[in-house]
Amino acid sequence: MKAEFLSHRRTQRGAALALVLWALFVMITVVVVVMRLVDFDLDLESLASKRFISRQLAMTGLAYAMHPKIQRDDPLLNQTFPDTTRLEVRILSEDARLNINALLAGGGKAPLQRLFQFWGVSEREAAAAADSLKDWVDEDETRGLNGAEAADLAGQDVSRPENRPFLSVAEMADVRGMAAVEKVKPDWREFFSVKSSGRLDYQDAPADFLEVFGLLSREQALAFAAFRSGPDGKPGTGDDVVIDSAEKLAAVVPLTPVQSEAIQSGFGAGSPLKRIESQGYCGGLNYRISVVAVPGQPRYLDWMEGP
């Protein structure tokens, strides 16, 4: 009887120990989960804080750049603070970008096709994209040789011609043929505008445009772009060499008569309309605000922002 009692007690103790161990396991698991949730919340809070600070820095840079007296070389536009946060601002002429409406209105299908081919699009696909862009904006229903009007696009997952100028560069993306451009040149949107004057800026036009529209050789275009960007190699910063005429361009890279004529007809000193790109940096996170505006005027013609 006594042995039976002792055996029962041992069984109870074993069950109690197992219950204690299980409770301990559950408690440890809960503590670990709670700690991870706390760490996750702290990470989110830290990320949100960094995002807020970097956006505020970008907004500050934008406010500086919008002042009518500010110049590209003003030290306010590029600052690093003691806590390692920083802001960087570039002020570029909007005329550094091609005005797609002005180009097509002036019969610019051929140079547009040349640009697409320059970027690596096949001749057939470049012709289709250029003709389709033209068909999208013209007022008739006559299809270009390689283009497409509304009747040709029935059932296709592309934008049908609106027979009006593009209201934004984003509208271009859905035109037939632009997928081929996107494939070889994902950043093509950075080269177009619907706000620029239609004459490319000597100071800020990319080397691609100098070669395609100014008929410069690749070596000439790269040499000129490097010269005007100054020691840091970045356009729109304080050490840029000012180029505001064809004569100054020709002094850097001597031009043939054909090149000189192309430069004179397609390029200019730019307009007051600027593209301001302001970036704030905090703890490895950056935030960018890009606007199109005339500095000193309170109205923005375009506004984009994001990490």
C-alpha atoms as a PDB file:
ATOM      1  CA  MET A   1       0.000   0.000   0.000  1.00  0.00           C
ATOM      2  CA  LYS A   2       2.822   2.326   0.923  1.00  0.00           C
ATOM      3  CA  ALA A   3       4.688   1.538  -2.307  1.00  0.00           C
ATOM      4  CA  GLU A   4       1.530   2.204  -4.243  1.00  0.00           C
ATOM      5  CA  PHE A   5       1.143   5.594  -2.515  1.00  0.00           C
ATOM      6  CA  LEU A   6       4.745   6.573  -3.250  1.00  0.00           C
ATOM      7  CA  SER A   7       4.327   5.624  -6.899  1.00  0.00           C
ATOM      8  CA  HIS A   8       1.219   7.820  -7.128  1.00  0.00           C
ATOM      9  CA  ARG A   9       3.098  10.741  -5.545  1.00  0.00           C
ATOM     10  CA  ARG A  10       5.956  10.382  -8.042  1.00  0.00           C
ATOM     11  CA  THR A  11       3.460  10.396 -10.878  1.00  0.00           C
ATOM     12  CA  GLN A  12       1.892  13.605  -9.563  1.00  0.00           C
ATOM     13  CA  ARG A  13       5.290  15.256  -9.171  1.00  0.00           C
ATOM     14  CA  GLY A  14       6.250  14.268 -12.715  1.00  0.00           C
ATOM     15  CA  ALA A  15       3.037  15.718 -14.082  1.00  0.00           C
ATOM     16  CA  ALA A  16       3.534  18.912 -12.082  1.00  0.00           C
ATOM     17  CA  LEU A  17       7.105  19.280 -13.376  1.00  0.00           C
ATOM     18  CA  ALA A  18       5.945  18.781 -16.960  1.00  0.00           C
ATOM     19  CA  LEU A  19       3.254  21.439 -16.419  1.00  0.00           C
ATOM     20  CA  VAL A  20       5.799  23.851 -14.957  1.00  0.00           C
ATOM     21  CA  LEU A  21       8.190  23.270 -17.854  1.00  0.00           C
ATOM     22  CA  TRP A  22       5.367  23.799 -20.361  1.00  0.00           C
ATOM     23  CA  ALA A  23       4.286  27.010 -18.623  1.00  0.00           C
ATOM     24  CA  LEU A  24       7.896  28.197 -18.637  1.00  0.00           C
ATOM     25  CA  PHE A  25       8.182  27.448 -22.358  1.00  0.00           C
ATOM     26  CA  VAL A  26       4.975  29.360 -23.107  1.00  0.00           C
ATOM     27  CA  MET A  27       6.131  32.307 -21.020  1.00  0.00           C
ATOM     28  CA  ILE A  28       9.535  32.427 -22.756  1.00  0.00           C
ATOM     29  CA  THR A  29       7.816  32.225 -26.149  1.00  0.00           C
ATOM     30  CA  VAL A  30       5.500  35.099 -25.247  1.00  0.00           C
ATOM     31  CA  VAL A  31       8.423  37.196 -24.007  1.00  0.00           C
ATOM     32  CA  VAL A  32      10.395  36.566 -27.220  1.00  0.00           C
ATOM     33  CA  VAL A  33       7.382  37.451 -29.382  1.00  0.00           C
ATOM     34  CA  VAL A  34       6.731  40.612 -27.396  1.00  0.00           C
ATOM     35  CA  MET A  35      10.389  41.626 -27.665  1.00  0.00           C
ATOM     36  CA  ARG A  36      10.329  41.088 -31.400  1.00  0.00           C
ATOM     37  CA  LEU A  37       7.146  43.118 -31.716  1.00  0.00           C
ATOM     38  CA  VAL A  38       8.725  45.915 -29.688  1.00  0.00           C
ATOM     39  CA  ASP A  39      11.851  45.802 -31.886  1.00  0.00           C
ATOM     40  CA  PHE A  40       9.648  45.840 -34.989  1.00  0.00           C
ATOM     41  CA  ASP A  41       7.705  48.839 -33.687  1.00  0.00           C
ATOM     42  CA  LEU A  42      10.953  50.610 -32.868  1.00  0.00           C
ATOM     43  CA  ASP A  43      12.275  49.885 -36.364  1.00  0.00           C
ATOM     44  CA  LEU A  44       9.069  51.240 -37.892  1.00  0.00           C
ATOM     45  CA  GLU A  45       9.230  54.300 -35.691  1.00  0.00           C
ATOM     46  CA  SER A  46      12.878  54.828 -36.627  1.00  0.00           C
ATOM     47  CA  LEU A  47      12.093  54.421 -40.341  1.00  0.00           C
ATOM     48  CA  ALA A  48       9.166  56.827 -40.100  1.00  0.00           C
ATOM     49  CA  SER A  49      11.358  59.316 -38.249  1.00  0.00           C
ATOM     50  CA  LYS A  50      14.120  59.087 -40.852  1.00  0.00           C
ATOM     51  CA  ARG A  51      11.586  59.470 -43.651  1.00  0.00           C
ATOM     52  CA  PHE A  52      10.077  62.527 -41.957  1.00  0.00           C
ATOM     53  CA  ILE A  53      13.477  64.154 -41.409  1.00  0.00           C
ATOM     54  CA  SER A  54      14.705  63.435 -44.951  1.00  0.00           C
ATOM     55  CA  ARG A  55      11.484  64.871 -46.410  1.00  0.00           C
ATOM     56  CA  GLN A  56      11.814  67.985 -44.253  1.00  0.00           C
ATOM     57  CA  LEU A  57      15.369  68.425 -45.499  1.00  0.00           C
ATOM     58  CA  ALA A  58      14.187  68.054 -49.112  1.00  0.00           C
ATOM     59  CA  MET A  59      11.468  70.642 -48.465  1.00  0.00           C
ATOM     60  CA  THR A  60      14.072  72.975 -46.976  1.00  0.00           C
ATOM     61  CA  GLY A  61      16.283  72.601 -50.032  1.00  0.00           C
ATOM     62  CA  LEU A  62      13.324  73.312 -52.280  1.00  0.00           C
ATOM     63  CA  ALA A  63      12.512  76.483 -50.337  1.00  0.00           C
ATOM     64  CA  TYR A  64      16.098  77.682 -50.767  1.00  0.00           C
ATOM     65  CA  ALA A  65      16.086  76.907 -54.501  1.00  0.00           C
ATOM     66  CA  MET A  66      12.807  78.753 -55.092  1.00  0.00           C
ATOM     67  CA  HIS A  67      14.247  82.044 -53.851  1.00  0.00           C
ATOM     68  CA  PRO A  68      14.614  84.381 -56.873  1.00  0.00           C
ATOM     69  CA  LYS A  69      18.159  85.379 -55.885  1.00  0.00           C
ATOM     70  CA  ILE A  70      19.528  81.876 -55.395  1.00  0.00           C
ATOM     71  CA  GLN A  71      22.277  80.616 -57.709  1.00  0.00           C
ATOM     72  CA  ARG A  72      23.408  77.076 -58.469  1.00  0.00           C
ATOM     73  CA  ASP A  73      26.647  77.592 -56.579  1.00  0.00           C
ATOM     74  CA  ASP A  74      25.024  78.803 -53.369  1.00  0.00           C
ATOM     75  CA  PRO A  75      26.359  76.704 -50.444  1.00  0.00           C
ATOM     76  CA  LEU A  76      22.858  76.561 -48.984  1.00  0.00           C
ATOM     77  CA  LEU A  77      21.951  74.052 -51.710  1.00  0.00           C
ATOM     78  CA  ASN A  78      24.488  71.446 -50.583  1.00  0.00           C
ATOM     79  CA  GLN A  79      24.869  71.057 -46.842  1.00  0.00           C
ATOM     80  CA  THR A  80      26.000  68.320 -44.467  1.00  0.00           C
ATOM     81  CA  PHE A  81      24.955  68.814 -40.850  1.00  0.00           C
ATOM     82  CA  PRO A  82      26.721  67.681 -37.637  1.00  0.00           C
ATOM     83  CA  ASP A  83      24.265  64.798 -37.172  1.00  0.00           C
ATOM     84  CA  THR A  84      25.337  63.513 -40.668  1.00  0.00           C
ATOM     85  CA  THR A  85      22.002  64.419 -42.269  1.00  0.00           C
ATOM     86  CA  ARG A  86      22.386  66.392 -45.463  1.00  0.00           C
ATOM     87  CA  LEU A  87      20.561  68.009 -48.347  1.00  0.00           C
ATOM     88  CA  GLU A  88      21.524  68.228 -51.996  1.00  0.00           C
ATOM     89  CA  VAL A  89      19.754  70.446 -54.524  1.00  0.00           C
ATOM     90  CA  ARG A  90      20.214  70.708 -58.281  1.00  0.00           C
ATOM     91  CA  ILE A  91      18.684  73.487 -60.365  1.00  0.00           C
ATOM     92  CA  LEU A  92      18.413  72.559 -64.044  1.00  0.00           C
ATOM     93  CA  SER A  93      16.784  74.232 -66.997  1.00  0.00           C
ATOM     94  CA  GLU A  94      13.579  72.471 -68.017  1.00  0.00           C
ATOM     95  CA  ASP A  95      14.864  73.022 -71.549  1.00  0.00           C
ATOM     96  CA  ALA A  96      17.338  70.224 -70.882  1.00  0.00           C
ATOM     97  CA  ARG A  97      14.385  67.985 -71.790  1.00  0.00           C
ATOM     98  CA  LEU A  98      12.687  67.470 -75.141  1.00  0.00           C
ATOM     99  CA  ASN A  99       9.241  68.971 -75.445  1.00  0.00           C
ATOM    100  CA  ILE A 100       7.446  66.072 -77.120  1.00  0.00           C
ATOM    101  CA  ASN A 101       4.550  68.236 -78.327  1.00  0.00           C
ATOM    102  CA  ALA A 102       6.780  70.881 -79.896  1.00  0.00           C
ATOM    103  CA  LEU A 103       8.948  68.217 -81.493  1.00  0.00           C
ATOM    104  CA  LEU A 104       6.008  66.399 -83.096  1.00  0.00           C
ATOM    105  CA  ALA A 105       4.273  69.630 -84.119  1.00  0.00           C
ATOM    106  CA  GLY A 106       7.424  70.616 -85.962  1.00  0.00           C
ATOM    107  CA  GLY A 107       7.543  67.372 -87.899  1.00  0.00           C
ATOM    108  CA  GLY A 108      10.089  65.807 -85.577  1.00  0.00           C
ATOM    109  CA  LYS A 109       9.336  62.137 -86.218  1.00  0.00           C
ATOM    110  CA  ALA A 110      12.675  61.516 -87.917  1.00  0.00           C
ATOM    111  CA  PRO A 111      14.899  62.922 -85.123  1.00  0.00           C
ATOM    112  CA  LEU A 112      12.701  61.170 -82.559  1.00  0.00           C
ATOM    113  CA  GLN A 113      13.266  57.880 -84.368  1.00  0.00           C
ATOM    114  CA  ARG A 114      17.001  58.612 -84.463  1.00  0.00           C
ATOM    115  CA  LEU A 115      16.976  59.174 -80.704  1.00  0.00           C
ATOM    116  CA  PHE A 116      15.223  55.867 -80.048  1.00  0.00           C
ATOM    117  CA  GLN A 117      17.677  54.056 -82.304  1.00  0.00           C
ATOM    118  CA  PHE A 118      20.555  55.832 -80.580  1.00  0.00           C
ATOM    119  CA  TRP A 119      19.298  54.355 -77.319  1.00  0.00           C
ATOM    120  CA  GLY A 120      19.350  50.869 -78.826  1.00  0.00           C
ATOM    121  CA  VAL A 121      15.804  50.384 -80.117  1.00  0.00           C
ATOM    122  CA  SER A 122      15.653  48.531 -83.430  1.00  0.00           C
ATOM    123  CA  GLU A 123      14.931  50.563 -86.564  1.00  0.00           C
ATOM    124  CA  ARG A 124      11.515  48.932 -87.021  1.00  0.00           C
ATOM    125  CA  GLU A 125      10.458  49.430 -83.392  1.00  0.00           C
ATOM    126  CA  ALA A 126      11.830  52.979 -83.284  1.00  0.00           C
ATOM    127  CA  ALA A 127       9.861  53.891 -86.406  1.00  0.00           C
ATOM    128  CA  ALA A 128       6.696  52.361 -84.946  1.00  0.00           C
ATOM    129  CA  ALA A 129       7.086  54.302 -81.693  1.00  0.00           C
ATOM    130  CA  ALA A 130       7.810  57.626 -83.415  1.00  0.00           C
ATOM    131  CA  ASP A 131       4.948  57.265 -85.906  1.00  0.00           C
ATOM    132  CA  SER A 132       2.525  56.148 -83.173  1.00  0.00           C
ATOM    133  CA  LEU A 133       3.417  59.148 -81.016  1.00  0.00           C
ATOM    134  CA  LYS A 134       2.753  61.401 -83.998  1.00  0.00           C
ATOM    135  CA  ASP A 135      -0.582  59.686 -84.723  1.00  0.00           C
ATOM    136  CA  TRP A 136      -1.536  60.108 -81.058  1.00  0.00           C
ATOM    137  CA  VAL A 137      -1.289  63.918 -81.213  1.00  0.00           C
ATOM    138  CA  ASP A 138      -2.282  64.801 -84.780  1.00  0.00           C
ATOM    139  CA  GLU A 139      -5.860  65.849 -85.507  1.00  0.00           C
ATOM    140  CA  ASP A 140      -6.593  63.443 -88.367  1.00  0.00           C
ATOM    141  CA  GLU A 141      -7.345  59.726 -88.577  1.00  0.00           C
ATOM    142  CA  THR A 142      -4.734  59.045 -91.228  1.00  0.00           C
ATOM    143  CA  ARG A 143      -2.265  56.457 -90.006  1.00  0.00           C
ATOM    144  CA  GLY A 144       1.435  57.102 -90.384  1.00  0.00           C
ATOM    145  CA  LEU A 145       3.516  54.564 -92.263  1.00  0.00           C
ATOM    146  CA  ASN A 146       4.460  52.715 -89.084  1.00  0.00           C
ATOM    147  CA  GLY A 147       1.943  54.320 -86.760  1.00  0.00           C
ATOM    148  CA  ALA A 148      -1.558  53.535 -85.541  1.00  0.00           C
ATOM    149  CA  GLU A 149      -4.838  55.390 -85.270  1.00  0.00           C
ATOM    150  CA  ALA A 150      -7.782  54.386 -83.069  1.00  0.00           C
ATOM    151  CA  ALA A 151      -9.210  51.881 -85.584  1.00  0.00           C
ATOM    152  CA  ASP A 152      -5.882  50.051 -85.755  1.00  0.00           C
ATOM    153  CA  LEU A 153      -5.679  49.585 -81.990  1.00  0.00           C
ATOM    154  CA  ALA A 154      -9.077  48.027 -81.285  1.00  0.00           C
ATOM    155  CA  GLY A 155      -8.676  45.301 -78.668  1.00  0.00           C
ATOM    156  CA  GLN A 156      -5.025  46.103 -77.963  1.00  0.00           C
ATOM    157  CA  ASP A 157      -3.739  46.995 -74.515  1.00  0.00           C
ATOM    158  CA  VAL A 158      -2.327  50.359 -75.562  1.00  0.00           C
ATOM    159  CA  SER A 159      -3.500  53.953 -75.404  1.00  0.00           C
ATOM    160  CA  ARG A 160      -5.753  55.088 -78.239  1.00  0.00           C
ATOM    161  CA  PRO A 161      -4.889  58.409 -79.915  1.00  0.00           C
ATOM    162  CA  GLU A 162      -6.522  61.423 -78.294  1.00  0.00           C
ATOM    163  CA  ASN A 163      -5.695  63.719 -81.229  1.00  0.00           C
ATOM    164  CA  ARG A 164      -4.405  66.401 -78.906  1.00  0.00           C
ATOM    165  CA  PRO A 165      -1.045  67.318 -77.380  1.00  0.00           C
ATOM    166  CA  PHE A 166       0.245  65.190 -74.510  1.00  0.00           C
ATOM    167  CA  LEU A 167      -0.727  66.610 -71.147  1.00  0.00           C
ATOM    168  CA  SER A 168       2.066  64.755 -69.357  1.00  0.00           C
ATOM    169  CA  VAL A 169       5.075  62.597 -70.146  1.00  0.00           C
ATOM    170  CA  ALA A 170       3.281  59.728 -68.395  1.00  0.00           C
ATOM    171  CA  GLU A 171       0.740  59.633 -71.227  1.00  0.00           C
ATOM    172  CA  MET A 172       3.490  58.707 -73.657  1.00  0.00           C
ATOM    173  CA  ALA A 173       4.179  55.441 -71.859  1.00  0.00           C
ATOM    174  CA  ASP A 174       0.966  53.758 -73.049  1.00  0.00           C
ATOM    175  CA  VAL A 175       1.382  54.628 -76.724  1.00  0.00           C
ATOM    176  CA  ARG A 176       2.030  51.711 -79.033  1.00  0.00           C
ATOM    177  CA  GLY A 177       5.756  51.099 -79.487  1.00  0.00           C
ATOM    178  CA  MET A 178       6.880  52.757 -76.249  1.00  0.00           C
ATOM    179  CA  ALA A 179       7.226  49.373 -74.516  1.00  0.00           C
ATOM    180  CA  ALA A 180      10.189  48.699 -76.811  1.00  0.00           C
ATOM    181  CA  VAL A 181      11.736  52.023 -75.748  1.00  0.00           C
ATOM    182  CA  GLU A 182      11.081  51.222 -72.095  1.00  0.00           C
ATOM    183  CA  LYS A 183      12.841  47.889 -72.464  1.00  0.00           C
ATOM    184  CA  VAL A 184      16.152  49.372 -73.582  1.00  0.00           C
ATOM    185  CA  LYS A 185      15.884  52.781 -71.873  1.00  0.00           C
ATOM    186  CA  PRO A 186      13.938  52.484 -68.585  1.00  0.00           C
ATOM    187  CA  ASP A 187      14.681  56.107 -67.640  1.00  0.00           C
ATOM    188  CA  TRP A 188      13.460  57.589 -70.940  1.00  0.00           C
ATOM    189  CA  ARG A 189      10.925  59.745 -69.059  1.00  0.00           C
ATOM    190  CA  GLU A 190      13.823  61.788 -67.656  1.00  0.00           C
ATOM    191  CA  PHE A 191      14.517  63.075 -71.175  1.00  0.00           C
ATOM    192  CA  PHE A 192      11.049  64.425 -72.066  1.00  0.00           C
ATOM    193  CA  SER A 193       8.812  67.285 -70.986  1.00  0.00           C
ATOM    194  CA  VAL A 194       5.536  68.941 -71.888  1.00  0.00           C
ATOM    195  CA  LYS A 195       6.602  72.196 -70.183  1.00  0.00           C
ATOM    196  CA  SER A 196       9.892  73.107 -71.871  1.00  0.00           C
ATOM    197  CA  SER A 197      10.141  75.733 -74.596  1.00  0.00           C
ATOM    198  CA  GLY A 198      11.130  73.400 -77.415  1.00  0.00           C
ATOM    199  CA  ARG A 199      14.720  74.634 -77.729  1.00  0.00           C
ATOM    200  CA  LEU A 200      17.321  72.543 -75.937  1.00  0.00           C
ATOM    201  CA  ASP A 201      19.526  74.281 -73.402  1.00  0.00           C
ATOM    202  CA  TYR A 202      23.275  74.593 -74.115  1.00  0.00           C
ATOM    203  CA  GLN A 203      23.994  74.330 -70.423  1.00  0.00           C
ATOM    204  CA  ASP A 204      21.984  71.303 -69.365  1.00  0.00           C
ATOM    205  CA  ALA A 205      20.999  69.260 -72.427  1.00  0.00           C
ATOM    206  CA  PRO A 206      22.371  65.714 -72.020  1.00  0.00           C
ATOM    207  CA  ALA A 207      25.171  64.389 -74.181  1.00  0.00           C
ATOM    208  CA  ASP A 208      22.664  62.166 -76.023  1.00  0.00           C
ATOM    209  CA  PHE A 209      20.849  65.252 -77.312  1.00  0.00           C
ATOM    210  CA  LEU A 210      24.064  66.984 -78.311  1.00  0.00           C
ATOM    211  CA  GLU A 211      24.872  63.981 -80.452  1.00  0.00           C
ATOM    212  CA  VAL A 212      21.413  63.262 -81.908  1.00  0.00           C
ATOM    213  CA  PHE A 213      20.093  66.805 -82.383  1.00  0.00           C
ATOM    214  CA  GLY A 214      23.327  68.801 -82.489  1.00  0.00           C
ATOM    215  CA  LEU A 215      25.040  66.229 -84.737  1.00  0.00           C
ATOM    216  CA  LEU A 216      28.149  66.222 -82.548  1.00  0.00           C
ATOM    217  CA  SER A 217      30.308  63.108 -82.532  1.00  0.00           C
ATOM    218  CA  ARG A 218      30.211  60.956 -79.417  1.00  0.00           C
ATOM    219  CA  GLU A 219      33.651  62.191 -78.419  1.00  0.00           C
ATOM    220  CA  GLN A 220      32.634  65.838 -78.876  1.00  0.00           C
ATOM    221  CA  ALA A 221      29.399  65.424 -76.935  1.00  0.00           C
ATOM    222  CA  LEU A 222      31.053  63.684 -73.983  1.00  0.00           C
ATOM    223  CA  ALA A 223      33.951  66.140 -73.926  1.00  0.00           C
ATOM    224  CA  PHE A 224      31.604  69.131 -73.907  1.00  0.00           C
ATOM    225  CA  ALA A 225      29.319  67.622 -71.249  1.00  0.00           C
ATOM    226  CA  ALA A 226      32.311  66.880 -69.020  1.00  0.00           C
ATOM    227  CA  PHE A 227      33.728  70.380 -69.475  1.00  0.00           C
ATOM    228  CA  ARG A 228      30.571  72.291 -68.622  1.00  0.00           C
ATOM    229  CA  SER A 229      29.800  70.037 -65.576  1.00  0.00           C
ATOM    230  CA  GLY A 230      33.009  71.134 -63.860  1.00  0.00           C
ATOM    231  CA  PRO A 231      35.283  69.097 -61.562  1.00  0.00           C
ATOM    232  CA  ASP A 232      32.445  67.212 -59.820  1.00  0.00           C
ATOM    233  CA  GLY A 233      31.079  65.900 -63.130  1.00  0.00           C
ATOM    234  CA  LYS A 234      27.503  66.674 -62.112  1.00  0.00           C
ATOM    235  CA  PRO A 235      25.284  69.100 -64.043  1.00  0.00           C
ATOM    236  CA  GLY A 236      23.300  71.640 -62.075  1.00  0.00           C
ATOM    237  CA  THR A 237      25.862  72.150 -59.306  1.00  0.00           C
ATOM    238  CA  GLY A 238      27.952  75.093 -58.204  1.00  0.00           C
ATOM    239  CA  ASP A 239      31.141  74.308 -60.152  1.00  0.00           C
ATOM    240  CA  ASP A 240      29.460  74.193 -63.583  1.00  0.00           C
ATOM    241  CA  VAL A 241      31.046  76.235 -66.365  1.00  0.00           C
ATOM    242  CA  VAL A 242      28.394  78.571 -67.771  1.00  0.00           C
ATOM    243  CA  ILE A 243      27.640  77.955 -71.464  1.00  0.00           C
ATOM    244  CA  ASP A 244      24.946  80.270 -72.757  1.00  0.00           C
ATOM    245  CA  SER A 245      25.717  80.601 -76.461  1.00  0.00           C
ATOM    246  CA  ALA A 246      26.712  78.590 -79.508  1.00  0.00           C
ATOM    247  CA  GLU A 247      29.989  80.519 -79.600  1.00  0.00           C
ATOM    248  CA  LYS A 248      30.955  79.321 -76.125  1.00  0.00           C
ATOM    249  CA  LEU A 249      30.034  75.764 -77.088  1.00  0.00           C
ATOM    250  CA  ALA A 250      32.154  76.013 -80.242  1.00  0.00           C
ATOM    251  CA  ALA A 251      35.071  77.312 -78.195  1.00  0.00           C
ATOM    252  CA  VAL A 252      35.070  74.044 -76.269  1.00  0.00           C
ATOM    253  CA  VAL A 253      34.489  71.684 -79.215  1.00  0.00           C
ATOM    254  CA  PRO A 254      35.120  73.170 -82.674  1.00  0.00           C
ATOM    255  CA  LEU A 255      32.101  72.651 -84.935  1.00  0.00           C
ATOM    256  CA  THR A 256      31.722  71.915 -88.611  1.00  0.00           C
ATOM    257  CA  PRO A 257      29.291  74.140 -90.568  1.00  0.00           C
ATOM    258  CA  VAL A 258      26.659  71.377 -90.483  1.00  0.00           C
ATOM    259  CA  GLN A 259      27.027  70.957 -86.720  1.00  0.00           C
ATOM    260  CA  SER A 260      26.952  74.709 -86.188  1.00  0.00           C
ATOM    261  CA  GLU A 261      23.704  75.001 -88.126  1.00  0.00           C
ATOM    262  CA  ALA A 262      22.118  72.167 -86.121  1.00  0.00           C
ATOM    263  CA  ILE A 263      23.186  73.757 -82.845  1.00  0.00           C
ATOM    264  CA  GLN A 264      21.927  77.186 -83.867  1.00  0.00           C
ATOM    265  CA  SER A 265      18.512  75.850 -84.926  1.00  0.00           C
ATOM    266  CA  GLY A 266      17.828  73.421 -82.108  1.00  0.00           C
ATOM    267  CA  PHE A 267      19.541  74.868 -79.040  1.00  0.00           C
ATOM    268  CA  GLY A 268      19.299  78.043 -77.006  1.00  0.00           C
ATOM    269  CA  ALA A 269      20.203  79.678 -73.706  1.00  0.00           C
ATOM    270  CA  GLY A 270      17.200  78.220 -71.929  1.00  0.00           C
ATOM    271  CA  SER A 271      14.123  79.710 -70.337  1.00  0.00           C
ATOM    272  CA  PRO A 272      13.382  80.884 -66.771  1.00  0.00           C
ATOM    273  CA  LEU A 273      11.522  77.602 -66.224  1.00  0.00           C
ATOM    274  CA  LYS A 274      13.593  75.355 -63.972  1.00  0.00           C
ATOM    275  CA  ARG A 275      13.454  71.789 -62.742  1.00  0.00           C
ATOM    276  CA  ILE A 276      14.502  71.728 -59.120  1.00  0.00           C
ATOM    277  CA  GLU A 277      15.578  68.381 -57.679  1.00  0.00           C
ATOM    278  CA  SER A 278      15.946  68.477 -53.908  1.00  0.00           C
ATOM    279  CA  GLN A 279      17.036  65.447 -51.880  1.00  0.00           C
ATOM    280  CA  GLY A 280      17.248  64.992 -48.139  1.00  0.00           C
ATOM    281  CA  TYR A 281      19.335  62.253 -46.517  1.00  0.00           C
ATOM    282  CA  CYS A 282      18.969  60.812 -43.031  1.00  0.00           C
ATOM    283  CA  GLY A 283      20.395  57.569 -41.672  1.00  0.00           C
ATOM    284  CA  GLY A 284      20.803  55.895 -45.042  1.00  0.00           C
ATOM    285  CA  LEU A 285      17.350  56.939 -46.258  1.00  0.00           C
ATOM    286  CA  ASN A 286      16.861  59.612 -48.896  1.00  0.00           C
ATOM    287  CA  TYR A 287      13.764  61.490 -50.032  1.00  0.00           C
ATOM    288  CA  ARG A 288      13.484  63.349 -53.332  1.00  0.00           C
ATOM    289  CA  ILE A 289      11.235  66.207 -54.378  1.00  0.00           C
ATOM    290  CA  SER A 290      11.283  67.294 -58.023  1.00  0.00           C
ATOM    291  CA  VAL A 291       9.345  70.327 -59.183  1.00  0.00           C
ATOM    292  CA  VAL A 292       9.027  72.441 -62.320  1.00  0.00           C
ATOM    293  CA  ALA A 293       8.658  76.137 -61.592  1.00  0.00           C
ATOM    294  CA  VAL A 294       9.991  79.621 -62.166  1.00  0.00           C
ATOM    295  CA  PRO A 295      12.031  80.502 -59.035  1.00  0.00           C
ATOM    296  CA  GLY A 296      10.472  83.405 -57.204  1.00  0.00           C
ATOM    297  CA  GLN A 297       6.974  82.584 -58.370  1.00  0.00           C
ATOM    298  CA  PRO A 298       4.671  80.686 -55.979  1.00  0.00           C
ATOM    299  CA  ARG A 299       3.152  78.383 -58.620  1.00  0.00           C
ATOM    300  CA  TYR A 300       4.440  74.876 -59.367  1.00  0.00           C
ATOM    301  CA  LEU A 301       3.803  73.475 -62.850  1.00  0.00           C
ATOM    302  CA  ASP A 302       4.739  69.974 -61.755  1.00  0.00           C
ATOM    303  CA  TRP A 303       5.470  68.235 -58.444  1.00  0.00           C
ATOM    304  CA  MET A 304       6.768  64.735 -57.771  1.00  0.00           C
ATOM    305  CA  GLU A 305       8.110  63.316 -54.549  1.00  0.00           C
ATOM    306  CA  GLY A 306       9.022  60.063 -52.897  1.00  0.00           C
ATOM    307  CA  PRO A 307      11.821  57.959 -51.388  1.00  0.00           C
END
